[in-house]
Amino acid sequence: MTAQPGTVHLVGAGPGDPGLITVRGRQILQSADVVVYDRLVAPELLESARPDARRVSAGKAPGGRGPSQTQVNAQIIEHARAGRSVCRLKGGDPFVFGRGAEEIAEVAAAGIPWDVVPGVTSAVAAPAAAGIPLTHRDWASTATLVTGHEGESKDGAPVDWAAVAAAGGTIVILMGVATLPTTCERLIAAGRPSSEPVAVIERATWPEERITLGTLADIAETVEQRAVRNPAVVVVGPVVWALRGGST
């Protein structure tokens, strides 16, 4: 499938490794007139774009530096209205803890054709690549995805950590390094055992990937000692030991 003139294609780039974009996603990327990409998209992936394609950075650096969401939306719409095919390239899957839905809503309101190419979300890919299954017949029949950014849950309300803890199974937290100490405290207070295993997967599927293991009681301190930074995925639950023999 090639990118269509005047259409916005919202494409998931996958978790990091440029080889993990979908076939359809790469086809759109290779044929688009304009590529609007986020900060965490692999530079090697951008090399797949046409040599004459416009490349527009829409990524925000730590501290909020970069174009505002309003500016990003306006650029996407401007290019599409000019008859250009737009590949809006977002890390992971564009509808999992991203602002893809908001962007497409703006595009649709402007009367511009659009489609979505799903991507491999890091919520699933990071644990899998690290050898951690989110579900397991013996240990977990459910998996709960949570944002570590308190203000990004539905309606801007804080995450209900008590409900997350009570759900059982595996907990997967995205963008949760900065708030990890508080998160662990809340999960323990809500009834999860302090000895429950935790894995923090930093820069998953990239060559510099690091995996930090611990428990709810000590993982926050270990992460601080190792200077772990986002992007990172936190996995809480017995599945952390599924392929590791139950020890660090």
C-alpha atoms as a PDB file:
ATOM      1  CA  MET A   1       0.000   0.000   0.000  1.00  0.00           C
ATOM      2  CA  THR A   2       1.338   3.423  -0.932  1.00  0.00           C
ATOM      3  CA  ALA A   3       0.586   6.678   0.813  1.00  0.00           C
ATOM      4  CA  GLN A   4      -2.316   8.554  -0.787  1.00  0.00           C
ATOM      5  CA  PRO A   5      -2.082  12.284  -1.656  1.00  0.00           C
ATOM      6  CA  GLY A   6      -3.932  14.491   0.789  1.00  0.00           C
ATOM      7  CA  THR A   7      -4.246  11.670   3.322  1.00  0.00           C
ATOM      8  CA  VAL A   8      -2.814  11.424   6.823  1.00  0.00           C
ATOM      9  CA  HIS A   9      -1.498   7.965   7.656  1.00  0.00           C
ATOM     10  CA  LEU A  10      -0.967   7.445  11.384  1.00  0.00           C
ATOM     11  CA  VAL A  11       1.767   4.810  11.549  1.00  0.00           C
ATOM     12  CA  GLY A  12       3.139   2.922  14.533  1.00  0.00           C
ATOM     13  CA  ALA A  13       6.924   2.630  14.277  1.00  0.00           C
ATOM     14  CA  GLY A  14       7.256  -0.160  16.838  1.00  0.00           C
ATOM     15  CA  PRO A  15       9.223  -0.232  20.099  1.00  0.00           C
ATOM     16  CA  GLY A  16      12.635   0.907  18.886  1.00  0.00           C
ATOM     17  CA  ASP A  17      14.399  -1.593  16.638  1.00  0.00           C
ATOM     18  CA  PRO A  18      13.700  -0.316  13.086  1.00  0.00           C
ATOM     19  CA  GLY A  19      13.106  -3.898  11.955  1.00  0.00           C
ATOM     20  CA  LEU A  20       9.985  -4.115  14.109  1.00  0.00           C
ATOM     21  CA  ILE A  21       7.834  -1.729  12.085  1.00  0.00           C
ATOM     22  CA  THR A  22       5.088  -3.552  10.181  1.00  0.00           C
ATOM     23  CA  VAL A  23       5.365  -4.222   6.453  1.00  0.00           C
ATOM     24  CA  ARG A  24       2.470  -1.874   5.732  1.00  0.00           C
ATOM     25  CA  GLY A  25       3.952   0.793   7.972  1.00  0.00           C
ATOM     26  CA  ARG A  26       7.237   0.692   6.076  1.00  0.00           C
ATOM     27  CA  GLN A  27       5.399   0.884   2.751  1.00  0.00           C
ATOM     28  CA  ILE A  28       3.628   4.058   3.851  1.00  0.00           C
ATOM     29  CA  LEU A  29       6.877   5.511   5.176  1.00  0.00           C
ATOM     30  CA  GLN A  30       8.718   4.778   1.928  1.00  0.00           C
ATOM     31  CA  SER A  31       6.099   6.437  -0.268  1.00  0.00           C
ATOM     32  CA  ALA A  32       4.923   9.454   1.769  1.00  0.00           C
ATOM     33  CA  ASP A  33       5.578  13.049   0.714  1.00  0.00           C
ATOM     34  CA  VAL A  34       5.970  14.194   4.326  1.00  0.00           C
ATOM     35  CA  VAL A  35       7.122  12.278   7.414  1.00  0.00           C
ATOM     36  CA  VAL A  36       6.213  13.818  10.761  1.00  0.00           C
ATOM     37  CA  TYR A  37       8.123  11.797  13.343  1.00  0.00           C
ATOM     38  CA  ASP A  38       8.525  11.584  17.103  1.00  0.00           C
ATOM     39  CA  ARG A  39      11.779  11.863  19.054  1.00  0.00           C
ATOM     40  CA  LEU A  40      12.100   8.153  19.872  1.00  0.00           C
ATOM     41  CA  VAL A  41      11.710   6.910  16.300  1.00  0.00           C
ATOM     42  CA  ALA A  42      14.926   5.178  15.227  1.00  0.00           C
ATOM     43  CA  PRO A  43      17.033   7.397  12.911  1.00  0.00           C
ATOM     44  CA  GLU A  44      17.707   4.332  10.744  1.00  0.00           C
ATOM     45  CA  LEU A  45      13.989   4.029  10.136  1.00  0.00           C
ATOM     46  CA  LEU A  46      13.814   7.558   8.743  1.00  0.00           C
ATOM     47  CA  GLU A  47      16.375   6.532   6.134  1.00  0.00           C
ATOM     48  CA  SER A  48      13.581   4.455   4.560  1.00  0.00           C
ATOM     49  CA  ALA A  49      11.731   7.629   3.561  1.00  0.00           C
ATOM     50  CA  ARG A  50      12.036   8.938   0.017  1.00  0.00           C
ATOM     51  CA  PRO A  51      15.107  11.141  -0.466  1.00  0.00           C
ATOM     52  CA  ASP A  52      12.862  14.041  -1.472  1.00  0.00           C
ATOM     53  CA  ALA A  53      10.349  13.558   1.345  1.00  0.00           C
ATOM     54  CA  ARG A  54      10.041  16.319   3.906  1.00  0.00           C
ATOM     55  CA  ARG A  55      11.072  15.245   7.384  1.00  0.00           C
ATOM     56  CA  VAL A  56       9.414  17.147  10.206  1.00  0.00           C
ATOM     57  CA  SER A  57      10.431  16.553  13.822  1.00  0.00           C
ATOM     58  CA  ALA A  58       7.476  16.551  16.204  1.00  0.00           C
ATOM     59  CA  GLY A  59       9.290  15.112  19.178  1.00  0.00           C
ATOM     60  CA  LYS A  60       9.450  16.691  22.594  1.00  0.00           C
ATOM     61  CA  ALA A  61      12.677  16.481  24.530  1.00  0.00           C
ATOM     62  CA  PRO A  62      12.684  16.024  28.323  1.00  0.00           C
ATOM     63  CA  GLY A  63      11.390  19.193  29.942  1.00  0.00           C
ATOM     64  CA  GLY A  64       8.816  19.781  27.229  1.00  0.00           C
ATOM     65  CA  ARG A  65      11.150  21.368  24.688  1.00  0.00           C
ATOM     66  CA  GLY A  66       9.852  21.057  21.148  1.00  0.00           C
ATOM     67  CA  PRO A  67       6.713  21.891  19.183  1.00  0.00           C
ATOM     68  CA  SER A  68       3.416  21.965  21.031  1.00  0.00           C
ATOM     69  CA  GLN A  69       0.690  19.478  20.190  1.00  0.00           C
ATOM     70  CA  THR A  70      -1.302  22.303  18.604  1.00  0.00           C
ATOM     71  CA  GLN A  71       1.639  23.120  16.334  1.00  0.00           C
ATOM     72  CA  VAL A  72       2.077  19.468  15.377  1.00  0.00           C
ATOM     73  CA  ASN A  73      -1.614  19.144  14.502  1.00  0.00           C
ATOM     74  CA  ALA A  74      -1.484  22.314  12.419  1.00  0.00           C
ATOM     75  CA  GLN A  75       1.541  21.118  10.426  1.00  0.00           C
ATOM     76  CA  ILE A  76      -0.053  17.755   9.683  1.00  0.00           C
ATOM     77  CA  ILE A  77      -3.256  19.386   8.458  1.00  0.00           C
ATOM     78  CA  GLU A  78      -1.394  22.033   6.439  1.00  0.00           C
ATOM     79  CA  HIS A  79       0.597  19.442   4.498  1.00  0.00           C
ATOM     80  CA  ALA A  80      -2.454  17.263   3.840  1.00  0.00           C
ATOM     81  CA  ARG A  81      -4.497  20.232   2.624  1.00  0.00           C
ATOM     82  CA  ALA A  82      -1.675  21.020   0.203  1.00  0.00           C
ATOM     83  CA  GLY A  83      -2.270  17.605  -1.385  1.00  0.00           C
ATOM     84  CA  ARG A  84       0.694  15.868   0.196  1.00  0.00           C
ATOM     85  CA  SER A  85       0.587  12.373   1.652  1.00  0.00           C
ATOM     86  CA  VAL A  86       1.571  12.514   5.312  1.00  0.00           C
ATOM     87  CA  CYS A  87       3.111   9.683   7.314  1.00  0.00           C
ATOM     88  CA  ARG A  88       2.654  10.574  10.979  1.00  0.00           C
ATOM     89  CA  LEU A  89       5.238   8.233  12.475  1.00  0.00           C
ATOM     90  CA  LYS A  90       4.854   7.513  16.179  1.00  0.00           C
ATOM     91  CA  GLY A  91       6.765   5.160  18.444  1.00  0.00           C
ATOM     92  CA  GLY A  92       5.159   1.888  19.467  1.00  0.00           C
ATOM     93  CA  ASP A  93       1.464   1.773  18.649  1.00  0.00           C
ATOM     94  CA  PRO A  94      -0.064   5.222  18.038  1.00  0.00           C
ATOM     95  CA  PHE A  95      -3.124   4.520  20.189  1.00  0.00           C
ATOM     96  CA  VAL A  96      -1.351   3.144  23.296  1.00  0.00           C
ATOM     97  CA  PHE A  97      -0.465   5.984  25.678  1.00  0.00           C
ATOM     98  CA  GLY A  98       0.238   8.334  22.812  1.00  0.00           C
ATOM     99  CA  ARG A  99      -1.685  11.267  21.409  1.00  0.00           C
ATOM    100  CA  GLY A 100      -2.542   9.562  18.156  1.00  0.00           C
ATOM    101  CA  ALA A 101      -6.266   9.600  18.861  1.00  0.00           C
ATOM    102  CA  GLU A 102      -6.176  13.337  19.525  1.00  0.00           C
ATOM    103  CA  GLU A 103      -4.261  13.995  16.312  1.00  0.00           C
ATOM    104  CA  ILE A 104      -6.611  11.924  14.179  1.00  0.00           C
ATOM    105  CA  ALA A 105      -9.615  13.639  15.774  1.00  0.00           C
ATOM    106  CA  GLU A 106      -8.217  16.991  14.625  1.00  0.00           C
ATOM    107  CA  VAL A 107      -7.518  15.632  11.147  1.00  0.00           C
ATOM    108  CA  ALA A 108     -11.030  14.194  10.867  1.00  0.00           C
ATOM    109  CA  ALA A 109     -12.575  17.464  12.083  1.00  0.00           C
ATOM    110  CA  ALA A 110     -10.693  19.239   9.293  1.00  0.00           C
ATOM    111  CA  GLY A 111     -12.332  16.914   6.749  1.00  0.00           C
ATOM    112  CA  ILE A 112      -9.063  15.226   5.764  1.00  0.00           C
ATOM    113  CA  PRO A 113      -8.926  11.505   4.875  1.00  0.00           C
ATOM    114  CA  TRP A 114      -6.958   9.360   7.301  1.00  0.00           C
ATOM    115  CA  ASP A 115      -6.103   5.828   8.267  1.00  0.00           C
ATOM    116  CA  VAL A 116      -4.228   4.080  11.066  1.00  0.00           C
ATOM    117  CA  VAL A 117      -1.459   1.519  10.668  1.00  0.00           C
ATOM    118  CA  PRO A 118      -1.120  -0.300  14.000  1.00  0.00           C
ATOM    119  CA  GLY A 119       2.321  -0.686  15.521  1.00  0.00           C
ATOM    120  CA  VAL A 120       3.976  -3.071  17.954  1.00  0.00           C
ATOM    121  CA  THR A 121       3.546  -1.451  21.358  1.00  0.00           C
ATOM    122  CA  SER A 122       6.479  -1.466  23.762  1.00  0.00           C
ATOM    123  CA  ALA A 123       4.048  -2.562  26.490  1.00  0.00           C
ATOM    124  CA  VAL A 124       4.081  -6.003  24.891  1.00  0.00           C
ATOM    125  CA  ALA A 125       7.307  -5.956  22.872  1.00  0.00           C
ATOM    126  CA  ALA A 126       9.681  -4.866  25.659  1.00  0.00           C
ATOM    127  CA  PRO A 127       8.792  -7.732  28.010  1.00  0.00           C
ATOM    128  CA  ALA A 128       8.688 -10.243  25.148  1.00  0.00           C
ATOM    129  CA  ALA A 129      12.117  -9.244  23.853  1.00  0.00           C
ATOM    130  CA  ALA A 130      13.446  -9.518  27.405  1.00  0.00           C
ATOM    131  CA  GLY A 131      12.052 -13.050  27.752  1.00  0.00           C
ATOM    132  CA  ILE A 132       9.158 -12.043  30.011  1.00  0.00           C
ATOM    133  CA  PRO A 133       5.697 -13.314  28.997  1.00  0.00           C
ATOM    134  CA  LEU A 134       2.874 -11.039  30.133  1.00  0.00           C
ATOM    135  CA  THR A 135       0.597 -14.017  30.699  1.00  0.00           C
ATOM    136  CA  HIS A 136       1.393 -17.536  31.823  1.00  0.00           C
ATOM    137  CA  ARG A 137      -0.855 -20.484  32.613  1.00  0.00           C
ATOM    138  CA  ASP A 138       0.672 -20.860  36.069  1.00  0.00           C
ATOM    139  CA  TRP A 139       1.152 -17.234  37.144  1.00  0.00           C
ATOM    140  CA  ALA A 140      -0.941 -14.666  35.290  1.00  0.00           C
ATOM    141  CA  SER A 141      -4.127 -14.782  33.247  1.00  0.00           C
ATOM    142  CA  THR A 142      -4.480 -10.978  33.011  1.00  0.00           C
ATOM    143  CA  ALA A 143      -2.242  -8.035  32.172  1.00  0.00           C
ATOM    144  CA  THR A 144      -2.987  -4.412  33.050  1.00  0.00           C
ATOM    145  CA  LEU A 145      -1.383  -1.543  31.086  1.00  0.00           C
ATOM    146  CA  VAL A 146      -0.855   1.665  33.045  1.00  0.00           C
ATOM    147  CA  THR A 147       0.731   5.033  32.338  1.00  0.00           C
ATOM    148  CA  GLY A 148       3.323   6.226  34.800  1.00  0.00           C
ATOM    149  CA  HIS A 149       2.305   9.817  34.089  1.00  0.00           C
ATOM    150  CA  GLU A 150      -0.390  10.508  36.640  1.00  0.00           C
ATOM    151  CA  GLY A 151      -2.035  13.257  34.603  1.00  0.00           C
ATOM    152  CA  GLU A 152      -2.400  11.152  31.456  1.00  0.00           C
ATOM    153  CA  SER A 153      -5.092   8.789  32.636  1.00  0.00           C
ATOM    154  CA  LYS A 154      -8.688   9.211  31.539  1.00  0.00           C
ATOM    155  CA  ASP A 155     -10.201  12.628  32.348  1.00  0.00           C
ATOM    156  CA  GLY A 156      -6.864  13.733  33.771  1.00  0.00           C
ATOM    157  CA  ALA A 157      -7.558  11.850  37.023  1.00  0.00           C
ATOM    158  CA  PRO A 158      -4.782  10.051  38.900  1.00  0.00           C
ATOM    159  CA  VAL A 159      -4.290   6.347  38.263  1.00  0.00           C
ATOM    160  CA  ASP A 160      -6.324   4.211  40.681  1.00  0.00           C
ATOM    161  CA  TRP A 161      -3.402   2.144  41.907  1.00  0.00           C
ATOM    162  CA  ALA A 162      -5.566   0.286  44.416  1.00  0.00           C
ATOM    163  CA  ALA A 163      -7.741  -0.994  41.580  1.00  0.00           C
ATOM    164  CA  VAL A 164      -4.669  -1.852  39.503  1.00  0.00           C
ATOM    165  CA  ALA A 165      -3.195  -3.834  42.395  1.00  0.00           C
ATOM    166  CA  ALA A 166      -6.484  -5.612  43.101  1.00  0.00           C
ATOM    167  CA  ALA A 167      -6.821  -6.732  39.484  1.00  0.00           C
ATOM    168  CA  GLY A 168      -4.028  -9.262  40.013  1.00  0.00           C
ATOM    169  CA  GLY A 169      -1.950 -10.653  37.192  1.00  0.00           C
ATOM    170  CA  THR A 170       0.820  -8.696  35.502  1.00  0.00           C
ATOM    171  CA  ILE A 171       1.154  -4.912  35.645  1.00  0.00           C
ATOM    172  CA  VAL A 172       2.931  -3.107  32.803  1.00  0.00           C
ATOM    173  CA  ILE A 173       3.818   0.545  33.364  1.00  0.00           C
ATOM    174  CA  LEU A 174       4.965   2.841  30.575  1.00  0.00           C
ATOM    175  CA  MET A 175       6.822   6.111  31.209  1.00  0.00           C
ATOM    176  CA  GLY A 176       7.064   5.210  34.874  1.00  0.00           C
ATOM    177  CA  VAL A 177      10.707   5.628  35.894  1.00  0.00           C
ATOM    178  CA  ALA A 178      10.367   9.045  37.522  1.00  0.00           C
ATOM    179  CA  THR A 179       7.357   7.981  39.575  1.00  0.00           C
ATOM    180  CA  LEU A 180       8.588   4.463  40.379  1.00  0.00           C
ATOM    181  CA  PRO A 181       9.224   5.005  44.120  1.00  0.00           C
ATOM    182  CA  THR A 182       5.691   6.298  44.662  1.00  0.00           C
ATOM    183  CA  THR A 183       4.197   3.615  42.421  1.00  0.00           C
ATOM    184  CA  CYS A 184       5.878   0.811  44.363  1.00  0.00           C
ATOM    185  CA  GLU A 185       4.705   2.297  47.665  1.00  0.00           C
ATOM    186  CA  ARG A 186       1.138   2.509  46.404  1.00  0.00           C
ATOM    187  CA  LEU A 187       1.099  -1.036  45.066  1.00  0.00           C
ATOM    188  CA  ILE A 188       2.433  -2.417  48.337  1.00  0.00           C
ATOM    189  CA  ALA A 189      -0.066  -0.346  50.322  1.00  0.00           C
ATOM    190  CA  ALA A 190      -2.824  -1.739  48.099  1.00  0.00           C
ATOM    191  CA  GLY A 191      -1.875  -5.315  48.897  1.00  0.00           C
ATOM    192  CA  ARG A 192       0.769  -6.423  46.407  1.00  0.00           C
ATOM    193  CA  PRO A 193       3.570  -8.235  48.270  1.00  0.00           C
ATOM    194  CA  SER A 194       6.772  -6.264  48.734  1.00  0.00           C
ATOM    195  CA  SER A 195       8.658  -9.344  47.501  1.00  0.00           C
ATOM    196  CA  GLU A 196       6.864  -9.331  44.147  1.00  0.00           C
ATOM    197  CA  PRO A 197       9.393  -9.358  41.294  1.00  0.00           C
ATOM    198  CA  VAL A 198       9.841  -6.325  39.052  1.00  0.00           C
ATOM    199  CA  ALA A 199      11.761  -5.812  35.807  1.00  0.00           C
ATOM    200  CA  VAL A 200      12.603  -2.400  34.363  1.00  0.00           C
ATOM    201  CA  ILE A 201      13.476  -2.647  30.682  1.00  0.00           C
ATOM    202  CA  GLU A 202      15.340   0.407  29.452  1.00  0.00           C
ATOM    203  CA  ARG A 203      15.501   1.241  25.720  1.00  0.00           C
ATOM    204  CA  ALA A 204      13.878  -2.059  24.796  1.00  0.00           C
ATOM    205  CA  THR A 205      14.971  -3.697  21.510  1.00  0.00           C
ATOM    206  CA  TRP A 206      17.743  -1.118  21.007  1.00  0.00           C
ATOM    207  CA  PRO A 207      21.407  -2.245  21.064  1.00  0.00           C
ATOM    208  CA  GLU A 208      21.889  -0.459  24.402  1.00  0.00           C
ATOM    209  CA  GLU A 209      18.932  -2.190  26.090  1.00  0.00           C
ATOM    210  CA  ARG A 210      19.370  -2.770  29.832  1.00  0.00           C
ATOM    211  CA  ILE A 211      17.252  -4.897  32.157  1.00  0.00           C
ATOM    212  CA  THR A 212      17.159  -4.122  35.849  1.00  0.00           C
ATOM    213  CA  LEU A 213      15.622  -6.730  38.167  1.00  0.00           C
ATOM    214  CA  GLY A 214      14.362  -6.451  41.713  1.00  0.00           C
ATOM    215  CA  THR A 215      11.252  -6.457  43.862  1.00  0.00           C
ATOM    216  CA  LEU A 216       8.648  -3.880  44.782  1.00  0.00           C
ATOM    217  CA  ALA A 217      10.637  -3.309  47.968  1.00  0.00           C
ATOM    218  CA  ASP A 218      13.977  -2.487  46.350  1.00  0.00           C
ATOM    219  CA  ILE A 219      13.586  -1.809  42.596  1.00  0.00           C
ATOM    220  CA  ALA A 220      13.270   1.970  42.948  1.00  0.00           C
ATOM    221  CA  GLU A 221      16.609   2.177  44.778  1.00  0.00           C
ATOM    222  CA  THR A 222      18.297  -0.119  42.269  1.00  0.00           C
ATOM    223  CA  VAL A 223      16.967   1.889  39.330  1.00  0.00           C
ATOM    224  CA  GLU A 224      18.327   5.071  40.895  1.00  0.00           C
ATOM    225  CA  GLN A 225      21.729   3.484  41.503  1.00  0.00           C
ATOM    226  CA  ARG A 226      21.920   2.328  37.888  1.00  0.00           C
ATOM    227  CA  ALA A 227      20.746   5.736  36.581  1.00  0.00           C
ATOM    228  CA  VAL A 228      17.955   4.138  34.553  1.00  0.00           C
ATOM    229  CA  ARG A 229      16.127   6.622  32.331  1.00  0.00           C
ATOM    230  CA  ASN A 230      13.097   6.644  30.073  1.00  0.00           C
ATOM    231  CA  PRO A 231      12.148   5.209  27.676  1.00  0.00           C
ATOM    232  CA  ALA A 232      11.651   2.246  29.948  1.00  0.00           C
ATOM    233  CA  VAL A 233       8.919  -0.289  30.608  1.00  0.00           C
ATOM    234  CA  VAL A 234       8.218  -1.578  34.113  1.00  0.00           C
ATOM    235  CA  VAL A 235       6.814  -5.099  34.541  1.00  0.00           C
ATOM    236  CA  VAL A 236       5.433  -6.215  37.900  1.00  0.00           C
ATOM    237  CA  GLY A 237       4.459  -9.800  38.661  1.00  0.00           C
ATOM    238  CA  PRO A 238       5.638 -13.413  38.942  1.00  0.00           C
ATOM    239  CA  VAL A 239       6.014 -13.629  35.149  1.00  0.00           C
ATOM    240  CA  VAL A 240       9.276 -11.697  35.530  1.00  0.00           C
ATOM    241  CA  TRP A 241      10.846 -14.971  36.690  1.00  0.00           C
ATOM    242  CA  ALA A 242       9.052 -17.196  34.150  1.00  0.00           C
ATOM    243  CA  LEU A 243      12.154 -17.834  32.039  1.00  0.00           C
ATOM    244  CA  ARG A 244      14.746 -16.898  34.645  1.00  0.00           C
ATOM    245  CA  GLY A 245      14.458 -19.707  37.177  1.00  0.00           C
ATOM    246  CA  GLY A 246      13.093 -17.504  39.934  1.00  0.00           C
ATOM    247  CA  SER A 247      16.288 -15.568  40.705  1.00  0.00           C
ATOM    248  CA  THR A 248      18.249 -12.561  39.549  1.00  0.00           C
END
